[in-house]
Amino acid sequence: MRTLAVSIVLVVAGAGAVAAQTPGDEQKVLQRRCHEGEKLAYMMKATNESWHYSIEADGLTKKDPDGSCFDEFRWSEFASEGKLVVLSPATLDFREQLTLDPNHKPAIPDFSKFDPRIIGPVTDLMTFYVDYWLGAKIGKLVHAGDHFYFKRGTPNSWADGAYVLLGEDSIDFDYTLKAVDRSAGTATLVVRHVPPEKPEIKIPAEWMQKPVSDTPNNWVQIQKTQDGKFLGAVGKETFEVTIQLSLADGKVLSARMNNPVETVERECQDAALTKCGEPKPHAILRQVEISLKP
């Protein structure tokens, strides 16, 4: 199994710097009208290069004393290539807290509390939620066709310090409210994660400076191999996230993510990536979708 770029897109600090519109409640499209005690269940299906898996996230809506709300998810029914995988008791006990409420601050999960095999699902569901959360926070998406660009740039990390020594990407957000269908009671939000003009990732080796594609490199990873060597890779990463939401209560009905990464990688003798073999191109593609279960 290969560890891939998983963008943990927490943008809390930067969101306040953007001038936000403040439409009335009757105009808001990205607005979660939550009910404490409501149950949510999502089925996630994904392809990670040649690996196929599915998993379920069962959530319960809760409120803080200040009235802001969040959803608390439990993960289960993890299947790899159609075969059910036994998750540890600690993983089954783990609860992921996510929010669509712009008055509630997103939080990073504690990766030490669950099986590393579900890091991808945990952070992908978080990506869907945070993309929505940021759009609601900034408040510029009211009518079909509305668009804004949010400069983020600050690196996101998925390094675990053991297997992945360095894992970072740097992205900006390009938002479009693609459709508002009042008759169907749905809206469609499209969020493109794109390379910034000047990505802020760490570039530990000189050979990683050269752009792999048509933009500066915005994705980098160093991981240990089973034979004690190091695999360094660098390249361009983008995401396109499409979220369909309910106009009635703002909850996510379905979402999908297309996440290609164009990379060049080299196997190296040292962690500094100075004694390396020949560069090899490697195209990575992850595709993830979730759907709300009845």
C-alpha atoms as a PDB file:
ATOM      1  CA  MET A   1       0.000   0.000   0.000  1.00  0.00           C
ATOM      2  CA  ARG A   2       1.380   3.394  -0.950  1.00  0.00           C
ATOM      3  CA  THR A   3       0.837   6.457   1.215  1.00  0.00           C
ATOM      4  CA  LEU A   4      -0.469   9.341  -0.896  1.00  0.00           C
ATOM      5  CA  ALA A   5      -0.952  13.037  -0.531  1.00  0.00           C
ATOM      6  CA  VAL A   6      -3.931  13.653   1.691  1.00  0.00           C
ATOM      7  CA  SER A   7      -4.638  17.362   2.018  1.00  0.00           C
ATOM      8  CA  ILE A   8      -5.757  18.294   5.519  1.00  0.00           C
ATOM      9  CA  VAL A   9      -7.155  21.642   4.551  1.00  0.00           C
ATOM     10  CA  LEU A  10      -7.501  23.641   7.764  1.00  0.00           C
ATOM     11  CA  VAL A  11      -7.860  27.302   6.860  1.00  0.00           C
ATOM     12  CA  VAL A  12      -9.169  28.766  10.099  1.00  0.00           C
ATOM     13  CA  ALA A  13      -6.482  31.406  10.540  1.00  0.00           C
ATOM     14  CA  GLY A  14      -6.681  32.759   7.007  1.00  0.00           C
ATOM     15  CA  ALA A  15     -10.447  32.806   6.600  1.00  0.00           C
ATOM     16  CA  GLY A  16     -10.919  35.864   8.791  1.00  0.00           C
ATOM     17  CA  ALA A  17      -8.669  37.921   6.534  1.00  0.00           C
ATOM     18  CA  VAL A  18     -11.090  37.648   3.602  1.00  0.00           C
ATOM     19  CA  ALA A  19     -13.777  40.308   3.237  1.00  0.00           C
ATOM     20  CA  ALA A  20     -17.002  38.342   3.546  1.00  0.00           C
ATOM     21  CA  GLN A  21     -20.460  39.175   2.330  1.00  0.00           C
ATOM     22  CA  THR A  22     -23.254  38.734   4.841  1.00  0.00           C
ATOM     23  CA  PRO A  23     -26.412  37.677   3.009  1.00  0.00           C
ATOM     24  CA  GLY A  24     -29.586  37.235   5.019  1.00  0.00           C
ATOM     25  CA  ASP A  25     -30.474  33.764   6.237  1.00  0.00           C
ATOM     26  CA  GLU A  26     -33.119  33.431   3.534  1.00  0.00           C
ATOM     27  CA  GLN A  27     -30.399  33.899   0.870  1.00  0.00           C
ATOM     28  CA  LYS A  28     -27.785  31.580   2.310  1.00  0.00           C
ATOM     29  CA  VAL A  29     -27.153  28.390   0.377  1.00  0.00           C
ATOM     30  CA  LEU A  30     -24.178  27.055   2.352  1.00  0.00           C
ATOM     31  CA  GLN A  31     -25.937  26.982   5.692  1.00  0.00           C
ATOM     32  CA  ARG A  32     -26.175  23.934   7.930  1.00  0.00           C
ATOM     33  CA  ARG A  33     -29.405  23.973   9.909  1.00  0.00           C
ATOM     34  CA  CYS A  34     -28.509  21.268  12.375  1.00  0.00           C
ATOM     35  CA  HIS A  35     -30.663  19.393  14.844  1.00  0.00           C
ATOM     36  CA  GLU A  36     -28.974  17.972  17.921  1.00  0.00           C
ATOM     37  CA  GLY A  37     -29.245  14.203  17.985  1.00  0.00           C
ATOM     38  CA  GLU A  38     -29.677  13.847  14.206  1.00  0.00           C
ATOM     39  CA  LYS A  39     -28.008  10.738  12.802  1.00  0.00           C
ATOM     40  CA  LEU A  40     -25.981  10.761   9.580  1.00  0.00           C
ATOM     41  CA  ALA A  41     -24.445   7.804   7.765  1.00  0.00           C
ATOM     42  CA  TYR A  42     -22.114   8.056   4.776  1.00  0.00           C
ATOM     43  CA  MET A  43     -20.794   5.325   2.533  1.00  0.00           C
ATOM     44  CA  MET A  44     -17.354   6.143   1.139  1.00  0.00           C
ATOM     45  CA  LYS A  45     -15.932   4.387  -1.913  1.00  0.00           C
ATOM     46  CA  ALA A  46     -12.455   5.132  -3.217  1.00  0.00           C
ATOM     47  CA  THR A  47      -9.776   4.189  -5.694  1.00  0.00           C
ATOM     48  CA  ASN A  48      -6.187   4.870  -4.678  1.00  0.00           C
ATOM     49  CA  GLU A  49      -4.114   4.046  -7.770  1.00  0.00           C
ATOM     50  CA  SER A  50      -4.919   0.330  -8.231  1.00  0.00           C
ATOM     51  CA  TRP A  51      -6.338  -0.143  -4.710  1.00  0.00           C
ATOM     52  CA  HIS A  52     -10.113  -0.124  -4.160  1.00  0.00           C
ATOM     53  CA  TYR A  53     -11.748   0.223  -0.759  1.00  0.00           C
ATOM     54  CA  SER A  54     -14.979   1.202   0.952  1.00  0.00           C
ATOM     55  CA  ILE A  55     -15.842   2.285   4.481  1.00  0.00           C
ATOM     56  CA  GLU A  56     -18.789   3.652   6.460  1.00  0.00           C
ATOM     57  CA  ALA A  57     -18.904   6.761   8.647  1.00  0.00           C
ATOM     58  CA  ASP A  58     -21.801   6.966  11.115  1.00  0.00           C
ATOM     59  CA  GLY A  59     -22.348  10.402  12.619  1.00  0.00           C
ATOM     60  CA  LEU A  60     -24.307  12.070  15.373  1.00  0.00           C
ATOM     61  CA  THR A  61     -24.995  15.824  15.380  1.00  0.00           C
ATOM     62  CA  LYS A  62     -24.100  17.631  18.596  1.00  0.00           C
ATOM     63  CA  LYS A  63     -24.110  21.209  19.853  1.00  0.00           C
ATOM     64  CA  ASP A  64     -21.658  23.149  21.959  1.00  0.00           C
ATOM     65  CA  PRO A  65     -22.874  25.362  24.818  1.00  0.00           C
ATOM     66  CA  ASP A  66     -22.568  28.390  22.496  1.00  0.00           C
ATOM     67  CA  GLY A  67     -25.092  26.837  20.115  1.00  0.00           C
ATOM     68  CA  SER A  68     -22.656  25.989  17.315  1.00  0.00           C
ATOM     69  CA  CYS A  69     -22.911  22.463  15.969  1.00  0.00           C
ATOM     70  CA  PHE A  70     -20.679  19.661  14.764  1.00  0.00           C
ATOM     71  CA  ASP A  71     -20.978  16.058  13.603  1.00  0.00           C
ATOM     72  CA  GLU A  72     -19.163  13.260  15.436  1.00  0.00           C
ATOM     73  CA  PHE A  73     -18.323  10.247  13.266  1.00  0.00           C
ATOM     74  CA  ARG A  74     -17.487   6.634  14.023  1.00  0.00           C
ATOM     75  CA  TRP A  75     -15.737   4.566  11.309  1.00  0.00           C
ATOM     76  CA  SER A  76     -16.599   0.928  10.546  1.00  0.00           C
ATOM     77  CA  GLU A  77     -17.204  -1.658   7.803  1.00  0.00           C
ATOM     78  CA  PHE A  78     -13.805  -1.107   6.182  1.00  0.00           C
ATOM     79  CA  ALA A  79     -13.397  -3.326   3.106  1.00  0.00           C
ATOM     80  CA  SER A  80     -10.247  -3.615   0.993  1.00  0.00           C
ATOM     81  CA  GLU A  81     -10.678  -5.121  -2.491  1.00  0.00           C
ATOM     82  CA  GLY A  82     -14.101  -6.322  -1.392  1.00  0.00           C
ATOM     83  CA  LYS A  83     -12.835  -8.119   1.723  1.00  0.00           C
ATOM     84  CA  LEU A  84     -13.812  -6.887   5.176  1.00  0.00           C
ATOM     85  CA  VAL A  85     -10.845  -5.686   7.269  1.00  0.00           C
ATOM     86  CA  VAL A  86     -10.863  -6.097  11.051  1.00  0.00           C
ATOM     87  CA  LEU A  87     -10.268  -2.723  12.689  1.00  0.00           C
ATOM     88  CA  SER A  88      -8.703  -2.434  16.131  1.00  0.00           C
ATOM     89  CA  PRO A  89     -10.869  -1.632  19.180  1.00  0.00           C
ATOM     90  CA  ALA A  90      -9.098   1.746  19.450  1.00  0.00           C
ATOM     91  CA  THR A  91     -10.064   2.565  15.853  1.00  0.00           C
ATOM     92  CA  LEU A  92     -13.694   1.584  16.472  1.00  0.00           C
ATOM     93  CA  ASP A  93     -13.687   3.788  19.588  1.00  0.00           C
ATOM     94  CA  PHE A  94     -12.182   6.769  17.734  1.00  0.00           C
ATOM     95  CA  ARG A  95     -14.564   9.666  17.050  1.00  0.00           C
ATOM     96  CA  GLU A  96     -13.894  12.267  14.360  1.00  0.00           C
ATOM     97  CA  GLN A  97     -15.433  15.694  14.939  1.00  0.00           C
ATOM     98  CA  LEU A  98     -16.283  17.706  11.814  1.00  0.00           C
ATOM     99  CA  THR A  99     -18.331  20.844  11.302  1.00  0.00           C
ATOM    100  CA  LEU A 100     -20.174  22.749   8.577  1.00  0.00           C
ATOM    101  CA  ASP A 101     -21.032  25.558  11.004  1.00  0.00           C
ATOM    102  CA  PRO A 102     -18.874  28.663  10.313  1.00  0.00           C
ATOM    103  CA  ASN A 103     -19.153  29.564  14.005  1.00  0.00           C
ATOM    104  CA  HIS A 104     -17.499  26.296  15.027  1.00  0.00           C
ATOM    105  CA  LYS A 105     -13.744  25.899  14.600  1.00  0.00           C
ATOM    106  CA  PRO A 106     -12.539  22.751  12.778  1.00  0.00           C
ATOM    107  CA  ALA A 107     -10.069  20.542  14.608  1.00  0.00           C
ATOM    108  CA  ILE A 108      -7.312  18.192  13.468  1.00  0.00           C
ATOM    109  CA  PRO A 109      -7.893  14.552  14.491  1.00  0.00           C
ATOM    110  CA  ASP A 110      -5.342  12.730  16.619  1.00  0.00           C
ATOM    111  CA  PHE A 111      -3.785  10.289  14.133  1.00  0.00           C
ATOM    112  CA  SER A 112      -2.313   8.205  16.945  1.00  0.00           C
ATOM    113  CA  LYS A 113      -5.808   7.140  18.017  1.00  0.00           C
ATOM    114  CA  PHE A 114      -6.703   4.963  15.013  1.00  0.00           C
ATOM    115  CA  ASP A 115      -5.439   2.468  12.463  1.00  0.00           C
ATOM    116  CA  PRO A 116      -3.171   4.243   9.915  1.00  0.00           C
ATOM    117  CA  ARG A 117      -4.995   2.382   7.146  1.00  0.00           C
ATOM    118  CA  ILE A 118      -7.959   4.733   7.579  1.00  0.00           C
ATOM    119  CA  ILE A 119      -5.961   7.993   7.544  1.00  0.00           C
ATOM    120  CA  GLY A 120      -7.105   8.468   3.941  1.00  0.00           C
ATOM    121  CA  PRO A 121     -10.848   8.134   4.680  1.00  0.00           C
ATOM    122  CA  VAL A 122     -10.590  10.279   7.830  1.00  0.00           C
ATOM    123  CA  THR A 123      -8.833  13.142   6.057  1.00  0.00           C
ATOM    124  CA  ASP A 124     -10.879  12.864   2.855  1.00  0.00           C
ATOM    125  CA  LEU A 125     -14.148  13.270   4.764  1.00  0.00           C
ATOM    126  CA  MET A 126     -12.497  16.185   6.530  1.00  0.00           C
ATOM    127  CA  THR A 127     -11.597  17.730   3.157  1.00  0.00           C
ATOM    128  CA  PHE A 128     -15.259  17.609   2.052  1.00  0.00           C
ATOM    129  CA  TYR A 129     -16.367  19.218   5.302  1.00  0.00           C
ATOM    130  CA  VAL A 130     -13.681  21.923   5.402  1.00  0.00           C
ATOM    131  CA  ASP A 131     -14.241  22.879   1.755  1.00  0.00           C
ATOM    132  CA  TYR A 132     -17.920  23.465   2.574  1.00  0.00           C
ATOM    133  CA  TRP A 133     -17.062  25.145   5.909  1.00  0.00           C
ATOM    134  CA  LEU A 134     -14.737  27.686   4.266  1.00  0.00           C
ATOM    135  CA  GLY A 135     -17.334  28.560   1.627  1.00  0.00           C
ATOM    136  CA  ALA A 136     -19.912  29.145   4.377  1.00  0.00           C
ATOM    137  CA  LYS A 137     -17.390  31.094   6.469  1.00  0.00           C
ATOM    138  CA  ILE A 138     -16.518  33.548   3.708  1.00  0.00           C
ATOM    139  CA  GLY A 139     -20.140  33.938   2.625  1.00  0.00           C
ATOM    140  CA  LYS A 140     -19.700  34.984  -0.998  1.00  0.00           C
ATOM    141  CA  LEU A 141     -21.629  32.140  -2.629  1.00  0.00           C
ATOM    142  CA  VAL A 142     -25.319  33.009  -2.925  1.00  0.00           C
ATOM    143  CA  HIS A 143     -26.380  32.626  -6.558  1.00  0.00           C
ATOM    144  CA  ALA A 144     -25.557  30.023  -9.189  1.00  0.00           C
ATOM    145  CA  GLY A 145     -22.329  31.081 -10.916  1.00  0.00           C
ATOM    146  CA  ASP A 146     -20.912  32.969  -7.911  1.00  0.00           C
ATOM    147  CA  HIS A 147     -17.144  32.509  -7.670  1.00  0.00           C
ATOM    148  CA  PHE A 148     -14.217  33.453  -5.447  1.00  0.00           C
ATOM    149  CA  TYR A 149     -10.538  32.574  -5.113  1.00  0.00           C
ATOM    150  CA  PHE A 150      -8.988  32.030  -1.685  1.00  0.00           C
ATOM    151  CA  LYS A 151      -5.211  32.221  -1.363  1.00  0.00           C
ATOM    152  CA  ARG A 152      -4.058  29.719   1.228  1.00  0.00           C
ATOM    153  CA  GLY A 153      -0.570  28.445   0.340  1.00  0.00           C
ATOM    154  CA  THR A 154       0.372  27.342   3.884  1.00  0.00           C
ATOM    155  CA  PRO A 155       1.507  23.692   3.714  1.00  0.00           C
ATOM    156  CA  ASN A 156      -0.689  20.806   4.847  1.00  0.00           C
ATOM    157  CA  SER A 157       1.140  17.799   6.282  1.00  0.00           C
ATOM    158  CA  TRP A 158       0.378  14.073   6.385  1.00  0.00           C
ATOM    159  CA  ALA A 159       3.778  12.935   7.732  1.00  0.00           C
ATOM    160  CA  ASP A 160       3.588  10.382  10.537  1.00  0.00           C
ATOM    161  CA  GLY A 161       7.299  10.535  11.455  1.00  0.00           C
ATOM    162  CA  ALA A 162       7.726   6.783  11.105  1.00  0.00           C
ATOM    163  CA  TYR A 163       6.836   5.733   7.574  1.00  0.00           C
ATOM    164  CA  VAL A 164       6.325   9.132   5.954  1.00  0.00           C
ATOM    165  CA  LEU A 165       9.151  11.429   7.068  1.00  0.00           C
ATOM    166  CA  LEU A 166       8.004  14.405   5.016  1.00  0.00           C
ATOM    167  CA  GLY A 167       4.639  14.827   3.345  1.00  0.00           C
ATOM    168  CA  GLU A 168       3.380  18.257   2.349  1.00  0.00           C
ATOM    169  CA  ASP A 169       1.251  19.991  -0.214  1.00  0.00           C
ATOM    170  CA  SER A 170       0.473  23.669  -0.727  1.00  0.00           C
ATOM    171  CA  ILE A 171      -2.794  24.723  -2.334  1.00  0.00           C
ATOM    172  CA  ASP A 172      -5.145  27.641  -2.980  1.00  0.00           C
ATOM    173  CA  PHE A 173      -8.938  27.304  -3.270  1.00  0.00           C
ATOM    174  CA  ASP A 174     -10.996  28.193  -6.343  1.00  0.00           C
ATOM    175  CA  TYR A 175     -14.730  28.174  -5.460  1.00  0.00           C
ATOM    176  CA  THR A 176     -17.790  28.142  -7.728  1.00  0.00           C
ATOM    177  CA  LEU A 177     -21.418  27.712  -6.749  1.00  0.00           C
ATOM    178  CA  LYS A 178     -22.200  25.704  -9.861  1.00  0.00           C
ATOM    179  CA  ALA A 179     -25.957  25.246  -9.512  1.00  0.00           C
ATOM    180  CA  VAL A 180     -28.922  26.013  -7.276  1.00  0.00           C
ATOM    181  CA  ASP A 181     -31.941  23.844  -8.092  1.00  0.00           C
ATOM    182  CA  ARG A 182     -34.882  25.061  -6.028  1.00  0.00           C
ATOM    183  CA  SER A 183     -37.281  22.498  -7.497  1.00  0.00           C
ATOM    184  CA  ALA A 184     -35.006  19.595  -6.523  1.00  0.00           C
ATOM    185  CA  GLY A 185     -33.990  21.280  -3.256  1.00  0.00           C
ATOM    186  CA  THR A 186     -30.274  20.929  -3.943  1.00  0.00           C
ATOM    187  CA  ALA A 187     -27.204  23.034  -4.662  1.00  0.00           C
ATOM    188  CA  THR A 188     -23.878  22.022  -6.199  1.00  0.00           C
ATOM    189  CA  LEU A 189     -20.570  23.434  -4.981  1.00  0.00           C
ATOM    190  CA  VAL A 190     -17.306  22.929  -6.912  1.00  0.00           C
ATOM    191  CA  VAL A 191     -13.989  23.547  -5.171  1.00  0.00           C
ATOM    192  CA  ARG A 192     -10.724  23.277  -7.088  1.00  0.00           C
ATOM    193  CA  HIS A 193      -7.535  22.952  -5.037  1.00  0.00           C
ATOM    194  CA  VAL A 194      -4.826  24.458  -7.220  1.00  0.00           C
ATOM    195  CA  PRO A 195      -1.076  25.185  -6.909  1.00  0.00           C
ATOM    196  CA  PRO A 196      -0.325  28.658  -5.544  1.00  0.00           C
ATOM    197  CA  GLU A 197       1.871  31.038  -7.500  1.00  0.00           C
ATOM    198  CA  LYS A 198       4.579  30.388  -4.893  1.00  0.00           C
ATOM    199  CA  PRO A 199       4.033  27.073  -3.056  1.00  0.00           C
ATOM    200  CA  GLU A 200       5.378  26.946   0.499  1.00  0.00           C
ATOM    201  CA  ILE A 201       6.345  23.263   0.757  1.00  0.00           C
ATOM    202  CA  LYS A 202       9.774  22.196   2.013  1.00  0.00           C
ATOM    203  CA  ILE A 203      12.123  21.230  -0.821  1.00  0.00           C
ATOM    204  CA  PRO A 204      14.885  19.182   0.879  1.00  0.00           C
ATOM    205  CA  ALA A 205      16.978  18.282  -2.202  1.00  0.00           C
ATOM    206  CA  GLU A 206      18.225  20.299  -5.154  1.00  0.00           C
ATOM    207  CA  TRP A 207      16.841  17.854  -7.742  1.00  0.00           C
ATOM    208  CA  MET A 208      13.338  18.500  -6.407  1.00  0.00           C
ATOM    209  CA  GLN A 209      13.418  22.165  -7.453  1.00  0.00           C
ATOM    210  CA  LYS A 210      12.764  21.538 -11.150  1.00  0.00           C
ATOM    211  CA  PRO A 211       9.023  21.746 -11.978  1.00  0.00           C
ATOM    212  CA  VAL A 212       7.556  18.373 -12.902  1.00  0.00           C
ATOM    213  CA  SER A 213       4.613  19.930 -14.755  1.00  0.00           C
ATOM    214  CA  ASP A 214       3.449  23.373 -15.870  1.00  0.00           C
ATOM    215  CA  THR A 215       3.489  25.001 -12.408  1.00  0.00           C
ATOM    216  CA  PRO A 216       5.970  25.155  -9.508  1.00  0.00           C
ATOM    217  CA  ASN A 217       5.961  21.903  -7.533  1.00  0.00           C
ATOM    218  CA  ASN A 218       3.402  22.000  -4.725  1.00  0.00           C
ATOM    219  CA  TRP A 219       3.623  18.390  -3.446  1.00  0.00           C
ATOM    220  CA  VAL A 220       6.532  16.571  -1.787  1.00  0.00           C
ATOM    221  CA  GLN A 221       6.995  13.285   0.062  1.00  0.00           C
ATOM    222  CA  ILE A 222       9.818  11.268   1.614  1.00  0.00           C
ATOM    223  CA  GLN A 223       9.034   7.804   2.906  1.00  0.00           C
ATOM    224  CA  LYS A 224      11.023   4.901   4.265  1.00  0.00           C
ATOM    225  CA  THR A 225      11.095   1.704   2.253  1.00  0.00           C
ATOM    226  CA  GLN A 226      11.032  -1.786   3.721  1.00  0.00           C
ATOM    227  CA  ASP A 227      14.682  -2.355   2.823  1.00  0.00           C
ATOM    228  CA  GLY A 228      15.880   0.702   4.761  1.00  0.00           C
ATOM    229  CA  LYS A 229      16.134   3.091   1.816  1.00  0.00           C
ATOM    230  CA  PHE A 230      14.243   6.303   1.176  1.00  0.00           C
ATOM    231  CA  LEU A 231      11.821   7.153  -1.610  1.00  0.00           C
ATOM    232  CA  GLY A 232      11.692  10.845  -2.445  1.00  0.00           C
ATOM    233  CA  ALA A 233       9.012  12.272  -4.714  1.00  0.00           C
ATOM    234  CA  VAL A 234       7.948  15.734  -5.821  1.00  0.00           C
ATOM    235  CA  GLY A 235       5.404  17.144  -8.229  1.00  0.00           C
ATOM    236  CA  LYS A 236       2.120  18.896  -8.922  1.00  0.00           C
ATOM    237  CA  GLU A 237      -1.079  18.048  -7.072  1.00  0.00           C
ATOM    238  CA  THR A 238      -4.609  19.272  -7.740  1.00  0.00           C
ATOM    239  CA  PHE A 239      -8.036  18.369  -6.368  1.00  0.00           C
ATOM    240  CA  GLU A 240     -11.479  18.922  -7.810  1.00  0.00           C
ATOM    241  CA  VAL A 241     -14.189  18.493  -5.213  1.00  0.00           C
ATOM    242  CA  THR A 242     -17.905  18.510  -6.082  1.00  0.00           C
ATOM    243  CA  ILE A 243     -20.424  18.646  -3.236  1.00  0.00           C
ATOM    244  CA  GLN A 244     -24.198  18.305  -3.568  1.00  0.00           C
ATOM    245  CA  LEU A 245     -26.044  19.672  -0.551  1.00  0.00           C
ATOM    246  CA  SER A 246     -29.614  19.957   0.651  1.00  0.00           C
ATOM    247  CA  LEU A 247     -31.202  23.418   0.513  1.00  0.00           C
ATOM    248  CA  ALA A 248     -33.622  22.374   3.261  1.00  0.00           C
ATOM    249  CA  ASP A 249     -31.062  21.825   6.007  1.00  0.00           C
ATOM    250  CA  GLY A 250     -27.623  22.272   4.383  1.00  0.00           C
ATOM    251  CA  LYS A 251     -26.335  18.776   4.989  1.00  0.00           C
ATOM    252  CA  VAL A 252     -24.077  17.053   2.440  1.00  0.00           C
ATOM    253  CA  LEU A 253     -26.030  14.623   0.277  1.00  0.00           C
ATOM    254  CA  SER A 254     -23.094  13.401  -1.780  1.00  0.00           C
ATOM    255  CA  ALA A 255     -19.582  14.467  -2.715  1.00  0.00           C
ATOM    256  CA  ARG A 256     -16.777  13.328  -4.943  1.00  0.00           C
ATOM    257  CA  MET A 257     -13.095  14.130  -5.267  1.00  0.00           C
ATOM    258  CA  ASN A 258     -10.696  13.721  -8.170  1.00  0.00           C
ATOM    259  CA  ASN A 259      -7.080  13.996  -6.967  1.00  0.00           C
ATOM    260  CA  PRO A 260      -4.320  13.581  -9.575  1.00  0.00           C
ATOM    261  CA  VAL A 261      -0.636  14.022  -8.692  1.00  0.00           C
ATOM    262  CA  GLU A 262       2.087  14.218 -11.351  1.00  0.00           C
ATOM    263  CA  THR A 263       5.389  13.257  -9.716  1.00  0.00           C
ATOM    264  CA  VAL A 264       9.001  12.369 -10.260  1.00  0.00           C
ATOM    265  CA  GLU A 265      10.488   9.979  -7.700  1.00  0.00           C
ATOM    266  CA  ARG A 266      13.936   8.651  -6.886  1.00  0.00           C
ATOM    267  CA  GLU A 267      15.053   5.844  -4.577  1.00  0.00           C
ATOM    268  CA  CYS A 268      17.851   7.105  -2.331  1.00  0.00           C
ATOM    269  CA  GLN A 269      20.380   5.718   0.115  1.00  0.00           C
ATOM    270  CA  ASP A 270      20.064   8.605   2.573  1.00  0.00           C
ATOM    271  CA  ALA A 271      17.252  10.653   4.131  1.00  0.00           C
ATOM    272  CA  ALA A 272      18.782  13.841   2.695  1.00  0.00           C
ATOM    273  CA  LEU A 273      18.143  12.435  -0.814  1.00  0.00           C
ATOM    274  CA  THR A 274      21.668  13.139  -2.076  1.00  0.00           C
ATOM    275  CA  LYS A 275      22.627   9.581  -3.108  1.00  0.00           C
ATOM    276  CA  CYS A 276      19.841   8.575  -5.427  1.00  0.00           C
ATOM    277  CA  GLY A 277      19.017   6.457  -8.421  1.00  0.00           C
ATOM    278  CA  GLU A 278      17.603   7.719 -11.691  1.00  0.00           C
ATOM    279  CA  PRO A 279      14.389   9.786 -11.608  1.00  0.00           C
ATOM    280  CA  LYS A 280      11.206   7.994 -12.616  1.00  0.00           C
ATOM    281  CA  PRO A 281       7.885   9.641 -13.512  1.00  0.00           C
ATOM    282  CA  HIS A 282       4.928   8.413 -11.475  1.00  0.00           C
ATOM    283  CA  ALA A 283       1.340   9.508 -12.046  1.00  0.00           C
ATOM    284  CA  ILE A 284      -0.922   9.091  -9.019  1.00  0.00           C
ATOM    285  CA  LEU A 285      -4.711   9.250  -9.095  1.00  0.00           C
ATOM    286  CA  ARG A 286      -7.105   9.051  -6.182  1.00  0.00           C
ATOM    287  CA  GLN A 287     -10.859   9.199  -6.628  1.00  0.00           C
ATOM    288  CA  VAL A 288     -13.182   9.357  -3.625  1.00  0.00           C
ATOM    289  CA  GLU A 289     -16.954   9.608  -3.341  1.00  0.00           C
ATOM    290  CA  ILE A 290     -19.392   9.676  -0.438  1.00  0.00           C
ATOM    291  CA  SER A 291     -23.161   9.321  -0.390  1.00  0.00           C
ATOM    292  CA  LEU A 292     -25.620   9.871   2.428  1.00  0.00           C
ATOM    293  CA  LYS A 293     -27.387   6.640   3.309  1.00  0.00           C
ATOM    294  CA  PRO A 294     -31.172   6.733   3.776  1.00  0.00           C
END
